[in-house]
Protein backbone atom coordinates (compact mmCIF):
# COMPACT_ATOMS: atom_id res chain seq x y z
CA MET A 1 143.81 114.59 74.67
CA GLU A 2 145.04 113.98 78.24
CA LYS A 3 148.30 116.21 77.48
CA GLU A 4 146.65 119.15 76.55
CA GLN A 5 144.36 119.02 79.60
CA GLU A 6 147.43 118.67 81.40
CA SER A 7 149.26 121.57 79.82
CA CYS A 8 145.67 123.63 80.23
CA ARG A 9 146.11 122.83 83.94
CA ALA A 10 149.52 123.69 84.52
CA ALA A 11 148.83 127.32 82.84
CA GLU A 12 146.52 127.46 84.68
CA GLU A 13 148.36 126.80 87.98
CA GLU A 14 151.19 129.12 86.49
CA LEU A 15 148.63 131.97 86.05
CA ALA A 16 146.98 131.82 89.61
CA VAL A 17 150.54 131.67 90.79
CA ALA A 18 151.14 134.95 88.90
CA GLU A 19 148.29 136.70 89.96
CA TYR A 20 148.39 136.12 93.48
CA GLU A 21 152.12 137.37 93.23
CA LEU A 22 150.77 140.32 91.93
CA SER A 23 148.07 141.08 94.23
CA GLU A 24 151.01 140.62 96.79
CA VAL A 25 152.81 143.26 94.78
CA GLU A 26 149.97 145.92 94.77
CA ALA A 27 149.35 145.30 98.47
CA GLN A 28 152.73 146.11 98.80
CA LEU A 29 152.74 148.83 96.67
CA LEU A 30 149.43 150.59 98.43
CA HIS A 31 151.38 150.05 101.43
CA LEU A 32 154.52 151.74 100.18
CA ASN A 33 152.40 154.76 98.75
CA ASP A 34 150.94 154.88 102.02
CA ARG A 35 154.21 155.24 103.67
CA LYS A 36 155.58 157.40 101.24
CA GLN A 37 152.54 159.92 102.02
CA LEU A 38 153.35 159.59 105.64
CA LEU A 39 156.47 160.45 105.18
CA LEU A 40 156.18 163.45 102.72
CA GLU A 41 153.88 164.87 105.48
CA ARG A 42 156.64 164.45 108.27
CA ILE A 43 159.12 166.06 105.95
CA GLY A 44 156.60 168.50 105.33
CA ARG A 45 156.07 169.49 108.96
CA GLN A 46 159.85 169.29 109.64
CA LYS A 47 160.79 171.70 107.11
CA ASP A 48 158.03 174.38 108.36
CA ALA A 49 159.03 173.47 111.91
CA ILE A 50 162.57 174.46 110.60
CA LEU A 51 161.37 177.70 108.93
CA LEU A 52 159.45 179.03 112.01
CA LYS A 53 162.62 178.56 113.74
CA LYS A 54 165.02 180.49 112.30
CA ASN A 55 161.69 183.30 111.75
CA HIS A 56 161.81 183.31 115.33
CA LEU A 57 165.76 183.22 115.43
CA LEU A 58 165.68 186.72 113.41
CA THR A 59 162.35 188.27 115.41
CA SER A 60 164.22 187.63 118.22
CA ARG A 61 166.79 190.00 117.26
CA ASP A 62 166.91 193.89 118.23
CA TRP A 63 166.32 195.55 115.32
CA SER A 64 166.05 199.09 116.61
CA ASN A 65 169.59 200.33 116.14
CA PHE A 66 172.46 200.13 113.32
CA PRO A 67 175.27 202.15 111.73
CA TRP A 68 172.83 203.66 109.35
CA SER A 69 170.28 204.93 111.68
CA ASN A 70 171.15 208.56 111.65
CA LYS A 71 171.17 208.65 107.57
CA VAL A 72 167.60 206.85 107.56
CA LYS A 73 166.29 209.45 110.21
CA GLU A 74 167.69 212.20 107.72
CA VAL A 75 165.74 210.97 104.80
CA LEU A 76 162.89 210.09 106.46
CA ASN A 77 162.65 213.71 107.51
CA SER A 78 164.34 215.61 104.22
CA VAL A 79 162.51 213.38 101.66
CA PHE A 80 159.36 212.18 102.87
CA LYS A 81 158.86 215.14 105.22
CA LEU A 82 157.87 212.70 108.15
CA ASN A 83 159.02 213.51 111.55
CA GLY A 84 158.90 209.64 112.86
CA PHE A 85 158.03 206.08 112.14
CA ARG A 86 154.84 204.20 112.23
CA PRO A 87 155.22 200.74 114.20
CA LEU A 88 157.69 197.99 112.70
CA GLN A 89 158.17 200.82 109.94
CA LEU A 90 161.93 201.17 111.16
CA GLU A 91 162.47 197.48 112.22
CA THR A 92 161.53 196.17 108.52
CA ILE A 93 163.78 198.88 106.57
CA ASN A 94 166.58 198.05 109.30
CA ALA A 95 165.95 194.55 108.33
CA THR A 96 166.27 195.20 104.66
CA MET A 97 169.02 197.52 104.67
CA SER A 98 170.87 194.42 106.50
CA ASN A 99 169.95 192.41 103.11
CA GLU A 100 167.64 190.05 105.17
CA ASP A 101 164.79 188.52 103.65
CA VAL A 102 160.93 190.06 105.21
CA ILE A 103 157.40 189.61 105.11
CA LEU A 104 155.43 192.37 106.85
CA ILE A 105 151.86 192.19 107.56
CA MET A 106 150.28 195.27 107.76
CA PRO A 107 146.84 196.67 107.17
CA THR A 108 146.27 199.18 104.30
CA GLY A 109 147.32 202.45 105.17
CA GLY A 110 149.97 201.24 107.98
CA GLY A 111 152.83 202.66 105.41
CA LYS A 112 154.04 199.47 103.92
CA SER A 113 155.73 201.68 100.52
CA LEU A 114 158.01 203.85 103.40
CA CYS A 115 159.38 200.20 104.11
CA TYR A 116 161.44 199.63 100.39
CA GLN A 117 161.28 203.57 99.21
CA LEU A 118 163.50 204.62 101.75
CA PRO A 119 165.89 201.91 101.81
CA ALA A 120 165.84 202.51 98.20
CA LEU A 121 167.10 205.82 98.17
CA LEU A 122 170.14 204.79 100.81
CA LYS A 123 170.98 201.38 98.74
CA SER A 124 173.00 201.94 95.74
CA GLY A 125 171.05 200.44 92.51
CA VAL A 126 167.60 200.01 91.87
CA THR A 127 164.85 198.36 93.57
CA LEU A 128 162.45 196.29 91.86
CA VAL A 129 158.74 196.60 93.43
CA VAL A 130 155.98 193.72 91.63
CA SER A 131 152.72 195.04 92.00
CA PRO A 132 149.59 193.70 90.91
CA LEU A 133 147.85 196.77 90.14
CA VAL A 134 148.66 199.26 87.68
CA SER A 135 146.55 201.80 89.84
CA LEU A 136 148.60 201.50 92.53
CA MET A 137 152.00 201.85 90.87
CA GLU A 138 150.76 204.86 88.96
CA ASP A 139 149.53 206.36 92.65
CA GLN A 140 152.82 205.67 93.84
CA LEU A 141 154.65 206.96 91.18
CA MET A 142 152.70 210.70 91.50
CA ALA A 143 153.95 210.57 95.31
CA LEU A 144 157.62 210.08 94.33
CA LYS A 145 157.51 212.56 91.62
CA ALA A 146 156.04 215.45 93.85
CA LEU A 147 158.99 214.32 96.54
CA GLU A 148 161.51 213.95 93.51
CA VAL A 149 162.35 210.47 93.87
CA PRO A 150 163.41 209.05 90.57
CA ALA A 151 161.01 206.48 90.05
CA ALA A 152 159.60 204.66 86.76
CA MET A 153 157.06 202.24 85.74
CA LEU A 154 156.47 199.60 82.94
CA SER A 155 153.52 198.25 82.20
CA ALA A 156 151.52 197.05 78.57
CA THR A 157 150.82 200.78 78.43
CA SER A 158 154.30 202.04 78.31
CA THR A 159 155.40 203.02 74.75
CA LYS A 160 158.66 201.97 72.70
CA GLU A 161 160.63 205.14 73.60
CA GLU A 162 159.59 204.99 77.54
CA VAL A 163 160.43 201.13 77.84
CA LYS A 164 164.04 201.90 76.35
CA SER A 165 164.46 204.69 78.20
CA ILE A 166 163.99 202.86 81.44
CA GLN A 167 165.84 199.96 80.51
CA ASP A 168 168.84 202.11 79.10
CA ALA A 169 168.47 203.55 83.10
CA MET A 170 168.39 200.27 84.62
CA LEU A 171 171.96 199.47 83.41
CA ASN A 172 173.49 202.76 83.64
CA LYS A 173 176.02 202.59 86.31
CA ASN A 174 175.94 206.40 86.71
CA GLY A 175 172.20 206.33 86.63
CA LYS A 176 169.70 208.09 89.09
CA LEU A 177 166.70 205.62 88.69
CA LYS A 178 166.01 204.09 92.60
CA LEU A 179 162.58 202.32 91.79
CA LEU A 180 161.17 200.60 89.05
CA TYR A 181 157.40 199.38 89.52
CA VAL A 182 156.44 196.28 87.51
CA THR A 183 153.72 193.90 87.48
CA PRO A 184 154.34 189.94 87.83
CA GLU A 185 152.94 189.51 84.45
CA LYS A 186 155.98 191.36 83.11
CA LEU A 187 158.32 189.46 85.03
CA ALA A 188 156.45 185.92 83.78
CA LYS A 189 156.11 186.73 80.33
CA SER A 190 158.70 189.11 79.08
CA LYS A 191 162.13 187.39 78.30
CA ASN A 192 163.44 190.86 77.25
CA PHE A 193 162.80 192.40 80.14
CA MET A 194 164.13 189.60 82.39
CA THR A 195 167.23 189.67 80.40
CA LYS A 196 167.91 193.33 81.33
CA VAL A 197 167.49 192.47 85.11
CA GLN A 198 169.89 189.95 84.77
CA LYS A 199 172.18 192.41 83.50
CA MET A 200 171.19 195.00 86.14
CA TYR A 201 171.81 192.37 88.34
CA GLY A 202 175.31 191.15 87.28
CA LEU A 203 176.46 194.77 87.27
CA GLY A 204 175.58 195.38 90.86
CA ARG A 205 172.52 197.47 90.61
CA LEU A 206 169.50 194.92 91.62
CA SER A 207 169.57 196.23 95.08
CA LEU A 208 166.08 195.15 96.87
CA ILE A 209 163.21 192.99 95.22
CA ALA A 210 159.78 194.38 96.83
CA ILE A 211 156.72 192.16 96.33
CA ASP A 212 153.43 193.71 97.00
CA GLU A 213 150.18 191.85 98.21
CA VAL A 214 152.81 188.85 98.33
CA HIS A 215 149.62 186.66 99.66
CA CYS A 216 148.94 186.02 95.90
CA CYS A 217 151.95 183.74 95.66
CA SER A 218 150.06 181.40 97.57
CA GLN A 219 147.04 178.97 96.46
CA TRP A 220 145.59 179.13 99.83
CA GLY A 221 145.17 183.35 99.36
CA HIS A 222 142.00 184.67 98.36
CA ASP A 223 143.44 186.21 95.50
CA PHE A 224 145.95 184.02 94.08
CA ARG A 225 147.31 184.79 91.06
CA PRO A 226 149.09 182.18 88.86
CA ASP A 227 151.98 184.96 87.33
CA TYR A 228 152.84 184.98 91.20
CA LYS A 229 154.19 181.94 91.09
CA PHE A 230 157.16 182.76 88.49
CA LEU A 231 158.16 184.69 90.98
CA GLY A 232 159.69 181.63 92.76
CA ILE A 233 162.60 181.77 90.56
CA LEU A 234 163.71 185.16 92.01
CA LYS A 235 165.68 183.90 94.88
CA GLY A 236 167.63 181.35 92.59
CA MET A 237 168.75 183.90 90.10
CA PHE A 238 169.45 186.65 92.66
CA PRO A 239 170.42 184.72 95.55
CA ASP A 240 172.46 187.83 97.57
CA VAL A 241 169.48 190.10 96.67
CA SER A 242 167.02 190.35 100.06
CA ILE A 243 163.31 190.28 98.93
CA LEU A 244 160.58 192.20 101.11
CA GLY A 245 157.06 190.75 101.10
CA LEU A 246 154.12 192.96 102.00
CA THR A 247 150.48 192.22 102.61
CA ALA A 248 147.85 193.37 104.53
CA THR A 249 146.09 189.81 105.17
CA SER A 250 148.08 186.67 105.77
CA THR A 251 147.45 183.62 108.11
CA SER A 252 150.41 181.60 109.50
CA LYS A 253 149.60 178.89 106.69
CA ILE A 254 149.91 181.70 103.96
CA THR A 255 152.68 182.92 105.27
CA ILE A 256 154.68 179.80 105.25
CA ASP A 257 153.77 178.90 101.95
CA VAL A 258 154.68 182.29 100.90
CA GLN A 259 158.01 182.00 102.12
CA LYS A 260 158.26 178.44 100.42
CA MET A 261 156.84 179.45 96.98
CA LEU A 262 159.46 182.54 97.00
CA CYS A 263 162.40 179.79 98.03
CA ILE A 264 163.21 181.57 101.20
CA GLN A 265 164.82 179.71 104.05
CA GLY A 266 163.53 181.70 106.75
CA CYS A 267 162.88 185.38 107.17
CA LEU A 268 162.05 188.07 109.55
CA VAL A 269 158.06 187.89 109.68
CA LEU A 270 156.41 190.90 111.23
CA LYS A 271 152.96 191.61 111.75
CA ALA A 272 151.29 195.15 112.61
CA SER A 273 148.09 195.55 114.76
CA PHE A 274 144.92 195.40 112.64
CA ASN A 275 143.05 197.06 115.69
CA ARG A 276 141.69 200.65 113.83
CA PRO A 277 139.85 202.54 116.55
CA ASN A 278 139.60 205.48 114.72
CA LEU A 279 137.40 203.59 111.94
CA TYR A 280 133.48 204.00 112.17
CA TYR A 281 131.56 201.13 110.45
CA GLU A 282 127.84 201.58 109.94
CA VAL A 283 125.49 198.77 108.00
CA ARG A 284 122.28 200.23 106.40
CA THR A 285 119.69 197.59 104.90
CA LYS A 286 119.81 198.23 100.80
CA SER A 287 117.35 199.05 99.16
CA SER A 288 115.69 197.36 95.63
CA SER A 289 115.30 200.29 94.30
CA GLN A 290 118.14 201.63 92.22
CA GLU A 291 116.43 205.10 92.06
CA GLU A 292 116.25 204.82 95.78
CA CYS A 293 119.71 203.62 96.52
CA LEU A 294 120.94 206.74 94.34
CA GLN A 295 118.89 209.07 96.54
CA GLU A 296 120.37 207.66 99.68
CA LEU A 297 124.10 208.06 98.06
CA GLU A 298 123.18 211.93 96.97
CA GLU A 299 122.04 212.28 100.06
CA LEU A 300 125.36 211.06 101.93
CA LEU A 301 127.84 212.65 99.69
CA LYS A 302 125.91 216.27 99.79
CA THR A 303 125.63 216.65 103.44
CA ARG A 304 127.39 214.08 105.61
CA TYR A 305 130.17 213.75 103.42
CA ARG A 306 130.19 217.23 101.75
CA GLY A 307 133.31 218.42 100.26
CA GLN A 308 135.02 215.45 101.61
CA SER A 309 136.49 212.06 99.37
CA GLY A 310 136.00 209.03 99.19
CA ILE A 311 134.98 205.93 97.37
CA ILE A 312 132.12 203.77 96.37
CA TYR A 313 132.95 200.26 95.37
CA THR A 314 130.85 198.16 93.07
CA THR A 315 131.38 194.32 92.52
CA SER A 316 130.66 194.48 88.30
CA ILE A 317 131.43 197.01 85.66
CA LYS A 318 128.00 197.42 84.82
CA ASP A 319 127.07 198.22 88.39
CA CYS A 320 129.79 200.84 88.59
CA GLU A 321 129.40 202.63 85.18
CA GLN A 322 125.57 202.79 85.69
CA LEU A 323 126.14 204.18 89.29
CA MET A 324 128.69 206.71 87.96
CA HIS A 325 125.72 207.87 85.34
CA GLY A 326 123.26 207.97 88.08
CA LEU A 327 124.98 210.37 90.68
CA ARG A 328 126.23 212.81 87.47
CA ASN A 329 122.90 212.93 86.98
CA ARG A 330 122.08 214.40 90.42
CA LYS A 331 125.12 217.10 90.09
CA LEU A 332 127.96 215.06 91.82
CA ARG A 333 131.34 215.23 90.92
CA VAL A 334 132.25 211.49 90.76
CA GLY A 335 134.25 209.51 88.03
CA CYS A 336 133.96 205.53 87.07
CA TYR A 337 137.47 203.18 87.57
CA HIS A 338 137.07 199.75 85.98
CA ALA A 339 139.84 197.34 84.09
CA ASN A 340 137.64 197.65 80.78
CA LEU A 341 138.49 201.60 80.74
CA ASP A 342 141.49 202.65 78.10
CA ALA A 343 144.94 203.08 80.38
CA THR A 344 144.83 207.08 79.89
CA LEU A 345 141.03 207.34 80.75
CA ARG A 346 142.17 205.39 84.13
CA SER A 347 144.71 207.81 84.70
CA LYS A 348 142.73 211.10 84.29
CA VAL A 349 140.21 209.60 86.90
CA HIS A 350 142.68 208.66 89.63
CA THR A 351 144.58 212.43 89.28
CA LYS A 352 141.26 214.16 88.92
CA TRP A 353 140.35 211.96 92.20
CA LEU A 354 143.67 212.69 94.00
CA SER A 355 143.26 216.25 93.29
CA GLY A 356 139.86 216.97 94.68
CA GLU A 357 138.07 217.67 91.43
CA TYR A 358 136.05 214.27 91.69
CA GLN A 359 134.47 213.86 95.19
CA ALA A 360 134.45 210.24 94.73
CA VAL A 361 135.31 207.28 92.49
CA VAL A 362 132.73 204.80 91.80
CA ALA A 363 135.06 201.86 91.36
CA THR A 364 135.48 197.94 91.33
CA ILE A 365 138.55 196.38 92.88
CA ALA A 366 140.67 197.10 89.75
CA PHE A 367 141.38 200.32 91.42
CA GLY A 368 143.48 199.02 94.27
CA LEU A 369 142.92 198.77 97.76
CA GLY A 370 146.08 200.33 99.15
CA ILE A 371 145.65 204.13 97.42
CA ASP A 372 147.08 206.38 99.10
CA LYS A 373 145.00 209.69 99.69
CA PRO A 374 145.19 211.13 103.07
CA ASP A 375 141.74 212.96 103.39
CA VAL A 376 139.85 209.82 102.33
CA ARG A 377 136.86 209.99 104.66
CA PHE A 378 134.33 207.06 103.65
CA VAL A 379 134.39 203.99 101.86
CA ILE A 380 130.69 202.83 100.73
CA HIS A 381 130.04 199.13 99.73
CA HIS A 382 126.97 199.25 96.95
CA SER A 383 127.30 195.83 96.74
CA LEU A 384 128.98 193.40 98.99
CA SER A 385 132.64 191.88 98.56
CA LYS A 386 132.91 188.56 96.70
CA SER A 387 134.84 187.26 100.04
CA MET A 388 135.55 188.36 103.72
CA GLU A 389 139.29 188.93 102.69
CA ASN A 390 138.47 191.68 100.17
CA PHE A 391 135.89 193.20 102.51
CA TYR A 392 138.68 193.50 105.39
CA GLN A 393 141.18 195.08 102.79
CA VAL A 394 138.42 197.15 101.87
CA ILE A 395 137.76 198.97 104.94
CA LEU A 396 140.92 199.35 106.03
CA ASN A 397 141.67 201.41 103.17
CA ASP A 398 143.14 205.09 104.33
CA GLU A 399 140.89 205.78 107.52
CA PRO A 400 137.58 206.22 106.07
CA ASP A 401 134.12 205.85 107.85
CA VAL A 402 132.55 202.78 106.55
CA HIS A 403 128.96 202.02 105.21
CA ASP A 404 127.44 198.89 103.44
């Protein structure tokens, strides 16, 4: 009995020693985890600092004059029918022509699309343009078609014949295709398409990757889209192809995050002024009566904006359709655009608005915030935007007057 008690005490003492040693190890692990976290934060800050220094070195270079400058001016005039550049366009084009990675932060309507469309005509091969909205791609394709620039788009609505024709053009060494528009989802979810892109690269026909709304890569961005994360593999797959990221809204934190997400080791960051003195803003009290709202909109479209083109934004599909029907009942030429409409119908609405057959489009943000229509003269918010960033992008759309 005595021996058993002694054995039990010995076991208890051994347990106590083990528990003490475990507590010591746990304390050490806690300390090491804290130390690890501090080191990770320090490494992160150092990486950001190095990234910013590399960005600064590129920004401090003179990007105004290069051997291809005369050719750039010639294409600007002969193809795009323009006599001069807007701020930062020439710098972006020259950096892109120099195969440097670039992030361009420029307000909607500032001319971002020219920064990859013009180099696409000077570079051999195809420029791959990643855009989040079909409406934006269709808008640019219509404009490029009018300029006789060879461009194409692959989307969920593309027929098998269209897909085959475009993929053949991608791999044709003598092909005329210069710009190919795709959604990030197409890159992320179509292995067949990515295989074609890799083959195109192997043939030396992938000349530039332009990523529109590049802030969507960052989880800090207001429009984060998961499929944009897939774009982080592009730099590793196509290391000698430059990336041009474009956005109208990006803080310094988002810009750094985007570079890390895209595996860009320092790039030229250009930021245009967001001051638009030609815009007029007006805030009105919105009536709680739908009938009174329709009456006010009717008065604006028939008097103040008679014969002028614009957009009326809503935040829901239901409001979008109800507002369109209400305005049509008042003999106003308006169309409706939202994500639930058939793709063919959306394209028809878009075309009728561009041609002037519709005075206005009642739309959700599925219509896109960078539609290129130079005579837009008003943007009306029937409902407040869901975020300040969305509101900021919408109000900078093509130099309109703005009401809320």
